Amino acid sequence: MGIKKNAIMQFGKQAEAYAKGNIFVDVVHLSEVVKRSGVRHDHRVLDIATGAGFLALEFAKKADTVIGCDLTRNMLLKACEKEKNSGLKNTGFLLSDVETLPFPDKSFDIVSCRFAFHHFPDPQKALLEMKRVCRDRLVLVDGVSSEDIGKSFFHNNIENMRDPSHVRIYALSEIEEMFNEAGADITDITHWEIPQDFEEWMKRAGTQEKQKKIIEQLMLQSLDDDRTGLQVKLEDDRLGFTYDTVILIAQVRA
């Protein structure tokens, strides 16, 4: 099965869990992303892989118009529910693939993507398409993996076992290179550490029990030498770790 079909299946069946996940609903984090984007009241914003619409709706409090697009219908239904409850009237949600966006060149002032880049089968193609429809700046929020190749491999192996729609969490240096090749100059990078509870992390992805036990053992093996690069901790018999995430702002080259 292809990566995109995996993503549609994964986020379709887990839409409710993802719509409530702590990593997505963090209001402080959302407001910080919008603040750092430099969005203005006359801006048009496109939020790629919008999921349940958290970032799109946060942008809508500041921007003129916000469109959220996603590959998964069930996630968009959650976004539409949140839109209705928010009372915002300047948003819209669209079923669309990031690699083939149905918009003319330079249609938006800001194009954003939050916690989805690691699901894209061809991130460079996605970035080029995001840049095509953008006339000002790109905003990328995602986890970053260790610059240590061994730790990054171990980390991504665990992520793939947990979630079949996962492609790869990249090291920051790899993301920087992709942006440079796509024709966008990074102007600001903010690191944001997000603590995660192992059980909640498993539940959000709907990981099967067999895989969960394997992942748990691999995480426990990382306690002493941090071989995942995730700062794994065991406190009061609760397994946890920390995601190193970045809020990255890039200026599109003319």
Protein backbone atom coordinates (compact mmCIF):
# COMPACT_ATOMS: atom_id res chain seq x y z
CA MET A 1 0.00 0.00 0.00
CA GLY A 2 1.27 3.48 -0.87
CA ILE A 3 2.27 6.07 1.68
CA LYS A 4 -0.64 8.38 0.82
CA LYS A 5 -3.20 5.58 1.18
CA ASN A 6 -1.59 4.66 4.50
CA ALA A 7 -1.98 8.26 5.64
CA ILE A 8 -5.64 8.39 4.59
CA MET A 9 -6.36 5.14 6.44
CA GLN A 10 -4.36 6.09 9.53
CA PHE A 11 -5.77 9.58 9.99
CA GLY A 12 -9.21 8.45 8.92
CA LYS A 13 -9.56 5.82 11.63
CA GLN A 14 -7.73 7.89 14.26
CA ALA A 15 -9.32 11.25 13.45
CA GLU A 16 -10.98 11.56 16.86
CA ALA A 17 -7.76 10.78 18.74
CA TYR A 18 -5.66 13.16 16.64
CA ALA A 19 -8.28 15.89 17.04
CA LYS A 20 -7.73 15.72 20.81
CA GLY A 21 -3.99 14.97 20.97
CA ASN A 22 -2.09 17.23 23.36
CA ILE A 23 0.64 17.93 20.83
CA PHE A 24 -1.92 19.39 18.43
CA VAL A 25 -4.24 21.31 20.75
CA ASP A 26 -1.55 23.24 22.66
CA VAL A 27 -2.92 26.81 22.50
CA VAL A 28 0.36 28.38 23.65
CA HIS A 29 2.24 26.60 20.87
CA LEU A 30 -0.36 27.54 18.25
CA SER A 31 -0.30 31.21 19.21
CA GLU A 32 3.51 31.21 19.13
CA VAL A 33 3.52 29.81 15.60
CA VAL A 34 1.09 32.50 14.43
CA LYS A 35 3.06 35.21 16.23
CA ARG A 36 6.36 34.18 14.65
CA SER A 37 4.80 33.97 11.21
CA GLY A 38 4.31 37.74 11.19
CA VAL A 39 0.80 37.34 9.79
CA ARG A 40 -1.16 40.56 9.14
CA HIS A 41 -4.88 41.30 8.98
CA ASP A 42 -4.74 41.63 5.16
CA HIS A 43 -2.96 38.29 4.60
CA ARG A 44 -4.27 35.20 2.85
CA VAL A 45 -3.02 31.99 4.51
CA LEU A 46 -2.96 28.38 3.31
CA ASP A 47 -2.47 25.65 5.91
CA ILE A 48 -1.21 22.40 4.36
CA ALA A 49 -2.19 19.01 5.86
CA THR A 50 -4.38 20.98 8.25
CA GLY A 51 -5.79 17.91 10.02
CA ALA A 52 -8.46 19.04 12.47
CA GLY A 53 -7.74 22.67 11.54
CA PHE A 54 -6.00 23.81 14.73
CA LEU A 55 -3.42 26.07 13.08
CA ALA A 56 -5.76 27.26 10.33
CA LEU A 57 -8.31 28.44 12.87
CA GLU A 58 -5.60 30.12 14.96
CA PHE A 59 -4.39 31.98 11.86
CA ALA A 60 -7.99 32.99 11.12
CA LYS A 61 -8.04 35.12 14.28
CA LYS A 62 -5.40 37.38 12.70
CA ALA A 63 -5.57 36.96 8.90
CA ASP A 64 -8.06 38.08 6.28
CA THR A 65 -8.68 34.63 4.75
CA VAL A 66 -7.46 31.15 5.70
CA ILE A 67 -7.79 27.93 3.72
CA GLY A 68 -6.94 24.55 5.24
CA CYS A 69 -6.37 21.55 3.00
CA ASP A 70 -5.85 17.90 3.83
CA LEU A 71 -5.76 14.50 2.16
CA THR A 72 -8.09 12.88 4.71
CA ARG A 73 -11.82 13.57 4.62
CA ASN A 74 -12.43 12.49 8.24
CA MET A 75 -9.88 15.00 9.51
CA LEU A 76 -11.51 17.76 7.49
CA LEU A 77 -14.88 16.90 9.01
CA LYS A 78 -13.29 17.52 12.44
CA ALA A 79 -11.91 20.82 11.16
CA CYS A 80 -15.35 21.87 9.93
CA GLU A 81 -16.84 21.04 13.34
CA LYS A 82 -14.23 23.23 15.04
CA GLU A 83 -14.81 25.99 12.49
CA LYS A 84 -18.55 25.96 13.21
CA ASN A 85 -17.99 26.11 16.96
CA SER A 86 -15.38 28.87 16.64
CA GLY A 87 -17.73 31.38 15.08
CA LEU A 88 -15.03 32.37 12.57
CA LYS A 89 -16.33 33.33 9.12
CA ASN A 90 -13.08 33.73 7.17
CA THR A 91 -12.04 30.09 6.85
CA GLY A 92 -12.58 27.25 4.41
CA PHE A 93 -11.45 23.62 4.22
CA LEU A 94 -10.59 21.65 1.11
CA LEU A 95 -9.74 18.03 0.26
CA SER A 96 -6.41 18.31 -1.55
CA ASP A 97 -2.96 16.77 -1.97
CA VAL A 98 -0.01 18.98 -1.08
CA GLU A 99 1.80 17.84 -4.23
CA THR A 100 -0.95 19.16 -6.53
CA LEU A 101 -2.54 22.21 -4.95
CA PRO A 102 -5.51 23.63 -6.89
CA PHE A 103 -4.40 27.26 -6.63
CA PRO A 104 -2.67 29.70 -9.00
CA ASP A 105 0.93 30.78 -8.41
CA LYS A 106 1.47 33.20 -5.52
CA SER A 107 -2.12 32.90 -4.26
CA PHE A 108 -1.20 33.20 -0.56
CA ASP A 109 0.97 35.43 1.58
CA ILE A 110 1.75 32.60 4.03
CA VAL A 111 1.75 28.84 3.50
CA SER A 112 2.07 26.77 6.67
CA CYS A 113 2.43 23.13 7.62
CA ARG A 114 2.34 21.86 11.22
CA PHE A 115 3.32 18.33 12.34
CA ALA A 116 2.80 16.74 8.92
CA PHE A 117 6.06 17.13 7.00
CA HIS A 118 7.30 13.75 8.22
CA HIS A 119 4.31 12.07 6.53
CA PHE A 120 5.08 13.39 3.03
CA PRO A 121 6.43 10.72 0.62
CA ASP A 122 8.24 13.40 -1.39
CA PRO A 123 8.97 16.36 0.91
CA GLN A 124 10.97 18.24 -1.73
CA LYS A 125 8.06 18.06 -4.19
CA ALA A 126 5.70 19.21 -1.43
CA LEU A 127 7.96 22.16 -0.58
CA LEU A 128 8.19 23.23 -4.21
CA GLU A 129 4.41 23.20 -4.50
CA MET A 130 4.03 25.13 -1.25
CA LYS A 131 6.53 27.68 -2.58
CA ARG A 132 4.70 27.91 -5.92
CA VAL A 133 1.46 29.14 -4.33
CA CYS A 134 3.25 31.41 -1.84
CA ARG A 135 4.29 35.01 -2.45
CA ASP A 136 5.92 35.78 0.88
CA ARG A 137 6.83 33.22 3.53
CA LEU A 138 6.63 29.55 4.45
CA VAL A 139 6.00 28.31 8.00
CA LEU A 140 7.02 24.77 8.91
CA VAL A 141 6.45 23.19 12.32
CA ASP A 142 7.64 19.64 12.89
CA GLY A 143 9.72 17.36 15.02
CA VAL A 144 13.41 17.06 14.24
CA SER A 145 15.53 13.98 14.66
CA SER A 146 19.07 13.76 15.97
CA GLU A 147 21.99 14.85 13.77
CA ASP A 148 23.58 11.57 14.87
CA ILE A 149 22.79 9.12 12.04
CA GLY A 150 22.52 6.13 14.38
CA LYS A 151 20.13 7.87 16.76
CA SER A 152 18.04 9.20 13.88
CA PHE A 153 17.75 5.71 12.39
CA PHE A 154 16.70 4.22 15.76
CA HIS A 155 14.16 7.01 16.31
CA ASN A 156 12.60 6.65 12.87
CA ASN A 157 12.47 2.87 13.18
CA ILE A 158 10.31 3.29 16.28
CA GLU A 159 8.12 5.89 14.57
CA ASN A 160 7.52 3.57 11.62
CA MET A 161 6.47 0.73 13.91
CA ARG A 162 4.08 3.02 15.76
CA ASP A 163 2.46 4.65 12.73
CA PRO A 164 2.42 3.13 9.20
CA SER A 165 1.85 6.57 7.65
CA HIS A 166 5.16 7.84 9.02
CA VAL A 167 7.84 8.46 6.39
CA ARG A 168 10.73 10.13 8.19
CA ILE A 169 11.47 12.74 10.82
CA TYR A 170 14.44 14.66 9.47
CA ALA A 171 17.44 16.21 11.13
CA LEU A 172 17.32 20.02 11.11
CA SER A 173 20.30 20.18 8.73
CA GLU A 174 18.35 18.08 6.21
CA ILE A 175 15.33 20.38 6.42
CA GLU A 176 17.55 23.44 5.96
CA GLU A 177 19.06 21.89 2.84
CA MET A 178 15.60 21.09 1.41
CA PHE A 179 14.43 24.69 1.93
CA ASN A 180 17.55 26.05 0.28
CA GLU A 181 17.10 23.79 -2.73
CA ALA A 182 13.41 24.74 -2.97
CA GLY A 183 14.30 28.43 -3.12
CA ALA A 184 13.33 29.65 0.34
CA ASP A 185 15.68 31.35 2.81
CA ILE A 186 15.19 30.46 6.47
CA THR A 187 14.94 33.62 8.56
CA ASP A 188 13.97 32.25 11.97
CA ILE A 189 14.14 28.90 13.79
CA THR A 190 12.68 28.37 17.25
CA HIS A 191 13.16 25.09 19.11
CA TRP A 192 10.21 23.95 21.20
CA GLU A 193 10.50 20.88 23.41
CA ILE A 194 7.24 18.96 23.78
CA PRO A 195 6.99 16.31 26.53
CA GLN A 196 5.11 13.16 25.56
CA ASP A 197 3.52 10.40 27.62
CA PHE A 198 4.19 6.98 26.08
CA GLU A 199 0.68 5.60 26.63
CA GLU A 200 -1.01 8.67 25.15
CA TRP A 201 1.42 8.58 22.22
CA MET A 202 0.48 4.95 21.49
CA LYS A 203 -3.24 5.59 21.88
CA ARG A 204 -3.18 8.54 19.50
CA ALA A 205 -1.77 6.37 16.71
CA GLY A 206 -3.89 3.33 17.54
CA THR A 207 -0.78 1.15 17.69
CA GLN A 208 -1.47 -2.56 18.08
CA GLU A 209 -0.49 -4.20 21.35
CA LYS A 210 2.25 -6.37 19.84
CA GLN A 211 3.98 -3.38 18.26
CA LYS A 212 3.44 -1.31 21.38
CA LYS A 213 5.35 -3.83 23.53
CA ILE A 214 8.26 -3.93 21.09
CA ILE A 215 8.44 -0.12 21.00
CA GLU A 216 8.24 0.08 24.78
CA GLN A 217 11.24 -2.24 25.12
CA LEU A 218 13.22 -0.25 22.57
CA MET A 219 12.42 2.97 24.41
CA LEU A 220 13.46 1.45 27.73
CA GLN A 221 16.76 0.39 26.15
CA SER A 222 17.32 4.06 25.36
CA LEU A 223 17.18 5.16 29.01
CA ASP A 224 20.91 4.89 29.63
CA ASP A 225 22.52 6.04 26.40
CA ASP A 226 19.70 8.06 24.74
CA ARG A 227 20.09 5.99 21.57
CA THR A 228 16.81 7.45 20.22
CA GLY A 229 17.79 11.06 20.90
CA LEU A 230 14.37 11.46 22.59
CA GLN A 231 15.49 11.98 26.21
CA VAL A 232 13.46 8.96 27.34
CA LYS A 233 12.51 8.99 31.04
CA LEU A 234 10.79 6.62 33.44
CA GLU A 235 9.09 8.43 36.32
CA ASP A 236 6.59 6.82 38.72
CA ASP A 237 6.40 3.84 36.35
CA ARG A 238 5.26 6.14 33.52
CA LEU A 239 7.38 6.11 30.39
CA GLY A 240 7.84 9.45 28.70
CA PHE A 241 10.13 11.30 26.32
CA THR A 242 10.61 14.70 24.70
CA TYR A 243 10.06 15.73 21.09
CA ASP A 244 12.46 18.37 19.85
CA THR A 245 10.30 20.41 17.47
CA VAL A 246 11.03 23.53 15.44
CA ILE A 247 9.01 26.53 14.31
CA LEU A 248 10.73 27.50 11.08
CA ILE A 249 10.04 30.65 9.06
CA ALA A 250 11.39 31.02 5.52
CA GLN A 251 11.25 33.83 2.98
CA VAL A 252 10.36 32.76 -0.54
CA ARG A 253 12.95 33.95 -3.06
CA ALA A 254 11.70 36.19 -5.85
